[in-house]
Structure formats: C-alpha cells, structure tokens
PDB file of N, CA and C in Angstrom:
ATOM      1  N   TRP A   1     -10.049  -0.083   0.383  1.00  0.00           N
ATOM      2  CA  TRP A   1      -9.272  -1.170  -0.170  1.00  0.00           C
ATOM      3  C   TRP A   1     -10.209  -2.170  -0.825  1.00  0.00           C
ATOM      4  N   ILE A   2     -10.709  -1.788  -1.950  1.00  0.00           N
ATOM      5  CA  ILE A   2     -11.599  -2.671  -2.702  1.00  0.00           C
ATOM      6  C   ILE A   2     -10.961  -3.063  -4.018  1.00  0.00           C
ATOM      7  N   LEU A   3     -10.403  -2.108  -4.714  1.00  0.00           N
ATOM      8  CA  LEU A   3      -9.922  -2.367  -6.071  1.00  0.00           C
ATOM      9  C   LEU A   3      -8.806  -3.402  -6.108  1.00  0.00           C
ATOM     10  N   HIS A   4      -8.028  -3.508  -5.050  1.00  0.00           N
ATOM     11  CA  HIS A   4      -6.934  -4.486  -5.084  1.00  0.00           C
ATOM     12  C   HIS A   4      -7.448  -5.923  -5.023  1.00  0.00           C
ATOM     13  N   CYS A   5      -8.724  -6.096  -4.757  1.00  0.00           N
ATOM     14  CA  CYS A   5      -9.316  -7.436  -4.711  1.00  0.00           C
ATOM     15  C   CYS A   5      -9.687  -7.966  -6.098  1.00  0.00           C
ATOM     16  N   PHE A   6      -9.577  -7.130  -7.116  1.00  0.00           N
ATOM     17  CA  PHE A   6     -10.061  -7.495  -8.445  1.00  0.00           C
ATOM     18  C   PHE A   6      -8.998  -7.269  -9.512  1.00  0.00           C
ATOM     19  N   GLY A   7      -9.153  -7.978 -10.623  1.00  0.00           N
ATOM     20  CA  GLY A   7      -8.306  -7.781 -11.789  1.00  0.00           C
ATOM     21  C   GLY A   7      -8.675  -6.494 -12.512  1.00  0.00           C
ATOM     22  N   ASP A   8      -7.920  -6.182 -13.548  1.00  0.00           N
ATOM     23  CA  ASP A   8      -8.105  -4.923 -14.265  1.00  0.00           C
ATOM     24  C   ASP A   8      -9.485  -4.788 -14.910  1.00  0.00           C
ATOM     25  N   GLU A   9      -9.981  -5.857 -15.501  1.00  0.00           N
ATOM     26  CA  GLU A   9     -11.280  -5.796 -16.180  1.00  0.00           C
ATOM     27  C   GLU A   9     -12.403  -5.471 -15.195  1.00  0.00           C
ATOM     28  N   ALA A  10     -12.415  -6.151 -14.060  1.00  0.00           N
ATOM     29  CA  ALA A  10     -13.449  -5.899 -13.048  1.00  0.00           C
ATOM     30  C   ALA A  10     -13.302  -4.498 -12.454  1.00  0.00           C
ATOM     31  N   CYS A  11     -12.062  -4.040 -12.226  1.00  0.00           N
ATOM     32  CA  CYS A  11     -11.849  -2.693 -11.683  1.00  0.00           C
ATOM     33  C   CYS A  11     -12.344  -1.632 -12.651  1.00  0.00           C
ATOM     34  N   THR A  12     -12.086  -1.834 -13.927  1.00  0.00           N
ATOM     35  CA  THR A  12     -12.564  -0.876 -14.923  1.00  0.00           C
ATOM     36  C   THR A  12     -14.085  -0.826 -14.906  1.00  0.00           C
ATOM     37  N   LYS A  13     -14.728  -1.960 -14.782  1.00  0.00           N
ATOM     38  CA  LYS A  13     -16.197  -2.004 -14.720  1.00  0.00           C
ATOM     39  C   LYS A  13     -16.713  -1.274 -13.479  1.00  0.00           C
ATOM     40  N   ILE A  14     -16.083  -1.506 -12.336  1.00  0.00           N
ATOM     41  CA  ILE A  14     -16.474  -0.823 -11.091  1.00  0.00           C
ATOM     42  C   ILE A  14     -16.338   0.688 -11.259  1.00  0.00           C
ATOM     43  N   LEU A  15     -15.194   1.126 -11.790  1.00  0.00           N
ATOM     44  CA  LEU A  15     -14.958   2.563 -11.950  1.00  0.00           C
ATOM     45  C   LEU A  15     -15.877   3.181 -12.997  1.00  0.00           C
ATOM     46  N   LYS A  16     -16.217   2.450 -14.047  1.00  0.00           N
ATOM     47  CA  LYS A  16     -17.179   2.956 -15.038  1.00  0.00           C
ATOM     48  C   LYS A  16     -18.550   3.166 -14.390  1.00  0.00           C
ATOM     49  N   ASN A  17     -18.944   2.248 -13.518  1.00  0.00           N
ATOM     50  CA  ASN A  17     -20.211   2.398 -12.803  1.00  0.00           C
ATOM     51  C   ASN A  17     -20.174   3.605 -11.872  1.00  0.00           C
ATOM     52  N   CYS A  18     -19.042   3.819 -11.213  1.00  0.00           N
ATOM     53  CA  CYS A  18     -18.884   5.007 -10.358  1.00  0.00           C
ATOM     54  C   CYS A  18     -18.977   6.272 -11.200  1.00  0.00           C
ATOM     55  N   TYR A  19     -18.289   6.264 -12.330  1.00  0.00           N
ATOM     56  CA  TYR A  19     -18.296   7.422 -13.238  1.00  0.00           C
ATOM     57  C   TYR A  19     -19.729   7.741 -13.667  1.00  0.00           C
ATOM     58  N   ALA A  20     -20.478   6.727 -14.055  1.00  0.00           N
ATOM     59  CA  ALA A  20     -21.850   6.923 -14.522  1.00  0.00           C
ATOM     60  C   ALA A  20     -22.764   7.443 -13.409  1.00  0.00           C
ATOM     61  N   ALA A  21     -22.470   7.110 -12.164  1.00  0.00           N
ATOM     62  CA  ALA A  21     -23.303   7.528 -11.042  1.00  0.00           C
ATOM     63  C   ALA A  21     -23.043   8.969 -10.602  1.00  0.00           C
ATOM     64  N   LEU A  22     -21.935   9.553 -11.047  1.00  0.00           N
ATOM     65  CA  LEU A  22     -21.611  10.926 -10.675  1.00  0.00           C
ATOM     66  C   LEU A  22     -22.464  11.915 -11.471  1.00  0.00           C
ATOM     67  N   PRO A  23     -22.635  13.140 -10.950  1.00  0.00           N
ATOM     68  CA  PRO A  23     -23.339  14.163 -11.731  1.00  0.00           C
ATOM     69  C   PRO A  23     -22.691  14.319 -13.106  1.00  0.00           C
ATOM     70  N   GLU A  24     -23.484  14.759 -14.062  1.00  0.00           N
ATOM     71  CA  GLU A  24     -23.035  14.782 -15.455  1.00  0.00           C
ATOM     72  C   GLU A  24     -21.809  15.656 -15.711  1.00  0.00           C
ATOM     73  N   ASP A  25     -21.659  16.754 -14.993  1.00  0.00           N
ATOM     74  CA  ASP A  25     -20.585  17.696 -15.321  1.00  0.00           C
ATOM     75  C   ASP A  25     -19.444  17.742 -14.312  1.00  0.00           C
ATOM     76  N   ARG A  26     -19.538  16.976 -13.229  1.00  0.00           N
ATOM     77  CA  ARG A  26     -18.474  17.039 -12.227  1.00  0.00           C
ATOM     78  C   ARG A  26     -18.612  15.875 -11.249  1.00  0.00           C
ATOM     79  N   GLY A  27     -17.669  15.757 -10.374  1.00  0.00           N
ATOM     80  CA  GLY A  27     -17.705  14.743  -9.329  1.00  0.00           C
ATOM     81  C   GLY A  27     -16.356  14.085  -9.174  1.00  0.00           C
ATOM     82  N   LYS A  28     -16.208  13.323  -8.097  1.00  0.00           N
ATOM     83  CA  LYS A  28     -14.945  12.634  -7.853  1.00  0.00           C
ATOM     84  C   LYS A  28     -15.190  11.320  -7.148  1.00  0.00           C
ATOM     85  N   VAL A  29     -14.274  10.411  -7.360  1.00  0.00           N
ATOM     86  CA  VAL A  29     -14.222   9.147  -6.640  1.00  0.00           C
ATOM     87  C   VAL A  29     -12.922   9.168  -5.853  1.00  0.00           C
ATOM     88  N   VAL A  30     -12.995   8.825  -4.577  1.00  0.00           N
ATOM     89  CA  VAL A  30     -11.810   8.790  -3.725  1.00  0.00           C
ATOM     90  C   VAL A  30     -11.444   7.328  -3.476  1.00  0.00           C
ATOM     91  N   ILE A  31     -10.204   7.005  -3.751  1.00  0.00           N
ATOM     92  CA  ILE A  31      -9.695   5.645  -3.599  1.00  0.00           C
ATOM     93  C   ILE A  31      -8.618   5.647  -2.517  1.00  0.00           C
ATOM     94  N   CYS A  32      -8.668   4.646  -1.658  1.00  0.00           N
ATOM     95  CA  CYS A  32      -7.645   4.449  -0.629  1.00  0.00           C
ATOM     96  C   CYS A  32      -7.012   3.081  -0.889  1.00  0.00           C
ATOM     97  N   GLU A  33      -5.792   3.075  -1.380  1.00  0.00           N
ATOM     98  CA  GLU A  33      -5.130   1.826  -1.760  1.00  0.00           C
ATOM     99  C   GLU A  33      -3.625   1.934  -1.529  1.00  0.00           C
ATOM    100  N   TYR A  34      -2.992   0.763  -1.412  1.00  0.00           N
ATOM    101  CA  TYR A  34      -1.532   0.712  -1.467  1.00  0.00           C
ATOM    102  C   TYR A  34      -1.101   0.978  -2.904  1.00  0.00           C
ATOM    103  N   LEU A  35       0.056   1.565  -3.074  1.00  0.00           N
ATOM    104  CA  LEU A  35       0.653   1.703  -4.399  1.00  0.00           C
ATOM    105  C   LEU A  35       1.968   0.939  -4.410  1.00  0.00           C
ATOM    106  N   LEU A  36       2.111   0.090  -5.416  1.00  0.00           N
ATOM    107  CA  LEU A  36       3.391  -0.580  -5.599  1.00  0.00           C
ATOM    108  C   LEU A  36       4.448   0.458  -5.949  1.00  0.00           C
ATOM    109  N   PRO A  37       5.671   0.266  -5.502  1.00  0.00           N
ATOM    110  CA  PRO A  37       6.730   1.182  -5.915  1.00  0.00           C
ATOM    111  C   PRO A  37       6.965   1.067  -7.423  1.00  0.00           C
ATOM    112  N   ASP A  38       7.426   2.127  -8.007  1.00  0.00           N
ATOM    113  CA  ASP A  38       7.760   2.141  -9.432  1.00  0.00           C
ATOM    114  C   ASP A  38       8.825   1.071  -9.682  1.00  0.00           C
ATOM    115  N   PRO A  39       8.571   0.157 -10.625  1.00  0.00           N
ATOM    116  CA  PRO A  39       9.542  -0.934 -10.846  1.00  0.00           C
ATOM    117  C   PRO A  39      10.885  -0.455 -11.389  1.00  0.00           C
ATOM    118  N   ASP A  40      10.929   0.751 -11.912  1.00  0.00           N
ATOM    119  CA  ASP A  40      12.189   1.282 -12.453  1.00  0.00           C
ATOM    120  C   ASP A  40      13.024   2.006 -11.406  1.00  0.00           C
ATOM    121  N   VAL A  41      12.511   2.106 -10.174  1.00  0.00           N
ATOM    122  CA  VAL A  41      13.218   2.823  -9.116  1.00  0.00           C
ATOM    123  C   VAL A  41      13.550   1.840  -7.992  1.00  0.00           C
ATOM    124  N   THR A  42      14.815   1.748  -7.655  1.00  0.00           N
ATOM    125  CA  THR A  42      15.243   0.893  -6.550  1.00  0.00           C
ATOM    126  C   THR A  42      15.031   1.636  -5.245  1.00  0.00           C
ATOM    127  N   THR A  43      14.408   0.959  -4.275  1.00  0.00           N
ATOM    128  CA  THR A  43      14.165   1.601  -2.992  1.00  0.00           C
ATOM    129  C   THR A  43      14.480   0.639  -1.852  1.00  0.00           C
ATOM    130  N   ASN A  44      14.936   1.197  -0.762  1.00  0.00           N
ATOM    131  CA  ASN A  44      15.155   0.427   0.467  1.00  0.00           C
ATOM    132  C   ASN A  44      14.077   0.746   1.495  1.00  0.00           C
ATOM    133  N   ASP A  45      13.024   1.419   1.067  1.00  0.00           N
ATOM    134  CA  ASP A  45      11.926   1.791   1.940  1.00  0.00           C
ATOM    135  C   ASP A  45      11.137   0.541   2.332  1.00  0.00           C
ATOM    136  N   ILE A  46      11.131   0.206   3.617  1.00  0.00           N
ATOM    137  CA  ILE A  46      10.462  -1.008   4.095  1.00  0.00           C
ATOM    138  C   ILE A  46       8.977  -0.971   3.792  1.00  0.00           C
ATOM    139  N   ALA A  47       8.329   0.171   4.001  1.00  0.00           N
ATOM    140  CA  ALA A  47       6.891   0.272   3.741  1.00  0.00           C
ATOM    141  C   ALA A  47       6.585   0.038   2.266  1.00  0.00           C
ATOM    142  N   ALA A  48       7.381   0.629   1.391  1.00  0.00           N
ATOM    143  CA  ALA A  48       7.159   0.453  -0.052  1.00  0.00           C
ATOM    144  C   ALA A  48       7.387  -0.992  -0.457  1.00  0.00           C
ATOM    145  N   ASN A  49       8.429  -1.591   0.039  1.00  0.00           N
ATOM    146  CA  ASN A  49       8.732  -2.972  -0.319  1.00  0.00           C
ATOM    147  C   ASN A  49       7.724  -3.958   0.258  1.00  0.00           C
ATOM    148  N   SER A  50       7.091  -3.625   1.374  1.00  0.00           N
ATOM    149  CA  SER A  50       6.089  -4.529   1.948  1.00  0.00           C
ATOM    150  C   SER A  50       4.858  -4.636   1.064  1.00  0.00           C
ATOM    151  N   VAL A  51       4.597  -3.625   0.251  1.00  0.00           N
ATOM    152  CA  VAL A  51       3.450  -3.668  -0.658  1.00  0.00           C
ATOM    153  C   VAL A  51       3.630  -4.793  -1.673  1.00  0.00           C
ATOM    154  N   VAL A  52       4.869  -5.101  -2.025  1.00  0.00           N
ATOM    155  CA  VAL A  52       5.132  -6.198  -2.955  1.00  0.00           C
ATOM    156  C   VAL A  52       4.639  -7.516  -2.339  1.00  0.00           C
ATOM    157  N   GLN A  53       4.817  -7.691  -1.041  1.00  0.00           N
ATOM    158  CA  GLN A  53       4.312  -8.894  -0.372  1.00  0.00           C
ATOM    159  C   GLN A  53       2.784  -8.946  -0.435  1.00  0.00           C
ATOM    160  N   PHE A  54       2.122  -7.806  -0.243  1.00  0.00           N
ATOM    161  CA  PHE A  54       0.673  -7.764  -0.364  1.00  0.00           C
ATOM    162  C   PHE A  54       0.240  -8.130  -1.784  1.00  0.00           C
ATOM    163  N   ASP A  55       1.014  -7.696  -2.767  1.00  0.00           N
ATOM    164  CA  ASP A  55       0.693  -7.991  -4.160  1.00  0.00           C
ATOM    165  C   ASP A  55       0.674  -9.501  -4.386  1.00  0.00           C
ATOM    166  N   VAL A  56       1.664 -10.196  -3.876  1.00  0.00           N
ATOM    167  CA  VAL A  56       1.724 -11.650  -4.029  1.00  0.00           C
ATOM    168  C   VAL A  56       0.534 -12.300  -3.321  1.00  0.00           C
ATOM    169  N   MET A  57       0.194 -11.838  -2.118  1.00  0.00           N
ATOM    170  CA  MET A  57      -0.957 -12.403  -1.402  1.00  0.00           C
ATOM    171  C   MET A  57      -2.257 -12.171  -2.168  1.00  0.00           C
ATOM    172  N   MET A  58      -2.417 -10.987  -2.747  1.00  0.00           N
ATOM    173  CA  MET A  58      -3.646 -10.684  -3.474  1.00  0.00           C
ATOM    174  C   MET A  58      -3.766 -11.546  -4.735  1.00  0.00           C
ATOM    175  N   MET A  59      -2.660 -11.847  -5.373  1.00  0.00           N
ATOM    176  CA  MET A  59      -2.706 -12.692  -6.570  1.00  0.00           C
ATOM    177  C   MET A  59      -3.080 -14.125  -6.211  1.00  0.00           C
ATOM    178  N   VAL A  60      -2.605 -14.604  -5.058  1.00  0.00           N
ATOM    179  CA  VAL A  60      -2.831 -15.988  -4.670  1.00  0.00           C
ATOM    180  C   VAL A  60      -4.220 -16.187  -4.068  1.00  0.00           C
ATOM    181  N   LEU A  61      -4.672 -15.287  -3.213  1.00  0.00           N
ATOM    182  CA  LEU A  61      -5.930 -15.502  -2.509  1.00  0.00           C
ATOM    183  C   LEU A  61      -7.152 -15.132  -3.356  1.00  0.00           C
ATOM    184  N   PRO A  62      -7.511 -13.873  -3.503  1.00  0.00           N
ATOM    185  CA  PRO A  62      -8.740 -13.582  -4.256  1.00  0.00           C
ATOM    186  C   PRO A  62      -8.539 -13.297  -5.744  1.00  0.00           C
ATOM    187  N   GLY A  63      -7.315 -13.339  -6.238  1.00  0.00           N
ATOM    188  CA  GLY A  63      -7.095 -13.079  -7.656  1.00  0.00           C
ATOM    189  C   GLY A  63      -6.896 -11.618  -8.002  1.00  0.00           C
ATOM    190  N   GLY A  64      -6.764 -10.769  -7.008  1.00  0.00           N
ATOM    191  CA  GLY A  64      -6.539  -9.346  -7.259  1.00  0.00           C
ATOM    192  C   GLY A  64      -5.062  -9.039  -7.340  1.00  0.00           C
ATOM    193  N   LYS A  65      -4.748  -7.753  -7.203  1.00  0.00           N
ATOM    194  CA  LYS A  65      -3.339  -7.349  -7.228  1.00  0.00           C
ATOM    195  C   LYS A  65      -3.201  -5.921  -6.737  1.00  0.00           C
ATOM    196  N   GLU A  66      -2.014  -5.594  -6.275  1.00  0.00           N
ATOM    197  CA  GLU A  66      -1.690  -4.210  -5.981  1.00  0.00           C
ATOM    198  C   GLU A  66      -1.246  -3.573  -7.295  1.00  0.00           C
ATOM    199  N   ARG A  67      -1.293  -2.248  -7.368  1.00  0.00           N
ATOM    200  CA  ARG A  67      -0.981  -1.562  -8.617  1.00  0.00           C
ATOM    201  C   ARG A  67      -0.029  -0.393  -8.376  1.00  0.00           C
ATOM    202  N   THR A  68       0.675  -0.028  -9.440  1.00  0.00           N
ATOM    203  CA  THR A  68       1.499   1.175  -9.411  1.00  0.00           C
ATOM    204  C   THR A  68       0.597   2.386  -9.674  1.00  0.00           C
ATOM    205  N   GLU A  69       1.141   3.558  -9.472  1.00  0.00           N
ATOM    206  CA  GLU A  69       0.390   4.781  -9.764  1.00  0.00           C
ATOM    207  C   GLU A  69      -0.031   4.821 -11.238  1.00  0.00           C
ATOM    208  N   ASN A  70       0.866   4.443 -12.123  1.00  0.00           N
ATOM    209  CA  ASN A  70       0.545   4.454 -13.549  1.00  0.00           C
ATOM    210  C   ASN A  70      -0.551   3.449 -13.898  1.00  0.00           C
ATOM    211  N   GLU A  71      -0.560   2.316 -13.228  1.00  0.00           N
ATOM    212  CA  GLU A  71      -1.627   1.338 -13.484  1.00  0.00           C
ATOM    213  C   GLU A  71      -2.984   1.891 -13.034  1.00  0.00           C
ATOM    214  N   PHE A  72      -3.008   2.619 -11.916  1.00  0.00           N
ATOM    215  CA  PHE A  72      -4.259   3.257 -11.489  1.00  0.00           C
ATOM    216  C   PHE A  72      -4.683   4.343 -12.480  1.00  0.00           C
ATOM    217  N   LYS A  73      -3.726   5.097 -12.995  1.00  0.00           N
ATOM    218  CA  LYS A  73      -4.053   6.112 -14.007  1.00  0.00           C
ATOM    219  C   LYS A  73      -4.681   5.466 -15.233  1.00  0.00           C
ATOM    220  N   ASP A  74      -4.127   4.344 -15.661  1.00  0.00           N
ATOM    221  CA  ASP A  74      -4.671   3.636 -16.824  1.00  0.00           C
ATOM    222  C   ASP A  74      -6.105   3.171 -16.567  1.00  0.00           C
ATOM    223  N   LEU A  75      -6.365   2.655 -15.366  1.00  0.00           N
ATOM    224  CA  LEU A  75      -7.733   2.242 -15.018  1.00  0.00           C
ATOM    225  C   LEU A  75      -8.677   3.438 -15.043  1.00  0.00           C
ATOM    226  N   ALA A  76      -8.221   4.556 -14.487  1.00  0.00           N
ATOM    227  CA  ALA A  76      -9.059   5.764 -14.441  1.00  0.00           C
ATOM    228  C   ALA A  76      -9.399   6.241 -15.846  1.00  0.00           C
ATOM    229  N   LEU A  77      -8.413   6.280 -16.716  1.00  0.00           N
ATOM    230  CA  LEU A  77      -8.647   6.706 -18.097  1.00  0.00           C
ATOM    231  C   LEU A  77      -9.581   5.746 -18.822  1.00  0.00           C
ATOM    232  N   ALA A  78      -9.409   4.453 -18.597  1.00  0.00           N
ATOM    233  CA  ALA A  78     -10.270   3.453 -19.243  1.00  0.00           C
ATOM    234  C   ALA A  78     -11.722   3.591 -18.792  1.00  0.00           C
ATOM    235  N   ALA A  79     -11.922   4.086 -17.566  1.00  0.00           N
ATOM    236  CA  ALA A  79     -13.275   4.273 -17.039  1.00  0.00           C
ATOM    237  C   ALA A  79     -13.879   5.615 -17.431  1.00  0.00           C
ATOM    238  N   GLY A  80     -13.083   6.500 -18.049  1.00  0.00           N
ATOM    239  CA  GLY A  80     -13.596   7.781 -18.506  1.00  0.00           C
ATOM    240  C   GLY A  80     -13.192   8.983 -17.683  1.00  0.00           C
ATOM    241  N   PHE A  81     -12.478   8.767 -16.584  1.00  0.00           N
ATOM    242  CA  PHE A  81     -12.060   9.891 -15.744  1.00  0.00           C
ATOM    243  C   PHE A  81     -10.969  10.690 -16.446  1.00  0.00           C
ATOM    244  N   HIS A  82     -10.968  12.014 -16.205  1.00  0.00           N
ATOM    245  CA  HIS A  82      -9.983  12.881 -16.839  1.00  0.00           C
ATOM    246  C   HIS A  82      -9.009  13.487 -15.835  1.00  0.00           C
ATOM    247  N   GLY A  83      -9.333  13.441 -14.577  1.00  0.00           N
ATOM    248  CA  GLY A  83      -8.447  13.958 -13.549  1.00  0.00           C
ATOM    249  C   GLY A  83      -7.971  12.838 -12.651  1.00  0.00           C
ATOM    250  N   PHE A  84      -6.707  12.872 -12.264  1.00  0.00           N
ATOM    251  CA  PHE A  84      -6.110  11.864 -11.400  1.00  0.00           C
ATOM    252  C   PHE A  84      -5.106  12.567 -10.510  1.00  0.00           C
ATOM    253  N   GLU A  85      -5.238  12.364  -9.204  1.00  0.00           N
ATOM    254  CA  GLU A  85      -4.277  12.994  -8.293  1.00  0.00           C
ATOM    255  C   GLU A  85      -4.120  12.160  -7.036  1.00  0.00           C
ATOM    256  N   VAL A  86      -2.867  11.894  -6.662  1.00  0.00           N
ATOM    257  CA  VAL A  86      -2.574  11.293  -5.363  1.00  0.00           C
ATOM    258  C   VAL A  86      -2.500  12.461  -4.394  1.00  0.00           C
ATOM    259  N   VAL A  87      -3.462  12.559  -3.474  1.00  0.00           N
ATOM    260  CA  VAL A  87      -3.555  13.757  -2.649  1.00  0.00           C
ATOM    261  C   VAL A  87      -2.820  13.647  -1.322  1.00  0.00           C
ATOM    262  N   CYS A  88      -2.634  12.434  -0.823  1.00  0.00           N
ATOM    263  CA  CYS A  88      -1.836  12.273   0.400  1.00  0.00           C
ATOM    264  C   CYS A  88      -1.488  10.804   0.586  1.00  0.00           C
ATOM    265  N   SER A  89      -0.600  10.542   1.541  1.00  0.00           N
ATOM    266  CA  SER A  89      -0.214   9.163   1.818  1.00  0.00           C
ATOM    267  C   SER A  89       0.267   9.027   3.252  1.00  0.00           C
ATOM    268  N   ALA A  90       0.165   7.801   3.737  1.00  0.00           N
ATOM    269  CA  ALA A  90       0.717   7.444   5.039  1.00  0.00           C
ATOM    270  C   ALA A  90       1.087   5.966   4.986  1.00  0.00           C
ATOM    271  N   TYR A  91       2.346   5.663   5.215  1.00  0.00           N
ATOM    272  CA  TYR A  91       2.830   4.280   5.212  1.00  0.00           C
ATOM    273  C   TYR A  91       2.465   3.540   3.931  1.00  0.00           C
ATOM    274  N   ASN A  92       2.614   4.216   2.826  1.00  0.00           N
ATOM    275  CA  ASN A  92       2.382   3.684   1.486  1.00  0.00           C
ATOM    276  C   ASN A  92       0.903   3.444   1.161  1.00  0.00           C
ATOM    277  N   VAL A  93       0.002   3.843   2.031  1.00  0.00           N
ATOM    278  CA  VAL A  93      -1.416   3.881   1.688  1.00  0.00           C
ATOM    279  C   VAL A  93      -1.668   5.257   1.085  1.00  0.00           C
ATOM    280  N   LYS A  94      -2.199   5.273  -0.110  1.00  0.00           N
ATOM    281  CA  LYS A  94      -2.392   6.533  -0.827  1.00  0.00           C
ATOM    282  C   LYS A  94      -3.878   6.859  -0.939  1.00  0.00           C
ATOM    283  N   ILE A  95      -4.175   8.127  -0.883  1.00  0.00           N
ATOM    284  CA  ILE A  95      -5.518   8.624  -1.158  1.00  0.00           C
ATOM    285  C   ILE A  95      -5.464   9.212  -2.566  1.00  0.00           C
ATOM    286  N   ILE A  96      -6.264   8.640  -3.454  1.00  0.00           N
ATOM    287  CA  ILE A  96      -6.258   9.017  -4.864  1.00  0.00           C
ATOM    288  C   ILE A  96      -7.631   9.581  -5.215  1.00  0.00           C
ATOM    289  N   GLU A  97      -7.648  10.717  -5.900  1.00  0.00           N
ATOM    290  CA  GLU A  97      -8.892  11.295  -6.389  1.00  0.00           C
ATOM    291  C   GLU A  97      -8.970  11.131  -7.903  1.00  0.00           C
ATOM    292  N   LEU A  98     -10.096  10.592  -8.358  1.00  0.00           N
ATOM    293  CA  LEU A  98     -10.396  10.504  -9.786  1.00  0.00           C
ATOM    294  C   LEU A  98     -11.486  11.510 -10.065  1.00  0.00           C
ATOM    295  N   LEU A  99     -11.249  12.413 -11.016  1.00  0.00           N
ATOM    296  CA  LEU A  99     -12.173  13.511 -11.268  1.00  0.00           C
ATOM    297  C   LEU A  99     -12.912  13.336 -12.585  1.00  0.00           C
ATOM    298  N   LYS A 100     -14.216  13.574 -12.505  1.00  0.00           N
ATOM    299  CA  LYS A 100     -15.050  13.606 -13.710  1.00  0.00           C
ATOM    300  C   LYS A 100     -15.155  15.058 -14.124  1.00  0.00           C
ATOM    301  N   ILE A 101     -14.536  15.374 -15.240  1.00  0.00           N
ATOM    302  CA  ILE A 101     -14.503  16.752 -15.725  1.00  0.00           C
ATOM    303  C   ILE A 101     -15.020  16.746 -17.158  1.00  0.00           C
ATOM    304  N   ASN A 102     -16.037  17.521 -17.419  1.00  0.00           N
ATOM    305  CA  ASN A 102     -16.557  17.648 -18.794  1.00  0.00           C
ATOM    306  C   ASN A 102     -16.334  19.044 -19.307  1.00  0.00           C
TER     307      ASN A 102
END
C-alpha cells in the first residue's frame, strides 16, 4: 500500500523507476492495493463501498487517492508496462501484476 499515498504524477514516476530497474526483456512489479468500485456499477458490497471512505481519507491526509482498476491500468501504461493483471483479491485488497514485456 504505497501508491495510494501519492497522486498520479508521483505514481507514474515511481512505476517508471520500477520499470527501469527490471531486466531488459522481462520482469514484473506486484502491487497490493484497494481498488475503488467501478463508478458505473452500483454495488451494495460493504467492502467495496468502504474503499470510497479510504479514498476520502487519502485525499485529505497525505494527498493520495484510491484508484479504480482502469486508473491503475492507465498508470501502468504511462510507466511503460505492457501487461496488467489482477491476480487475486481478498476484502477488496487486490494483488496486481504489471509485466515488462519486450
């Protein structure tokens, strides 16, 4: 839970540094973060809706934010990653793999 502490510009910089540190032809970065529910989908899931409360806290305290899956994909692409996969979840905490594929 690091990326939610920062805005998009800082997260892109962090991920670009991770990308550059990986071997030239392969590698992955594993992210463990909450995912905001898709804003176009109505849900009564308490765990999913609680992430919205975390989002408000992150905006007020350190200036970060929680993100949707698509927002994480956008960050990954901006950093140069070509693979993106949510590999598992528990209570709305997701394990996301970003793949460096050349």
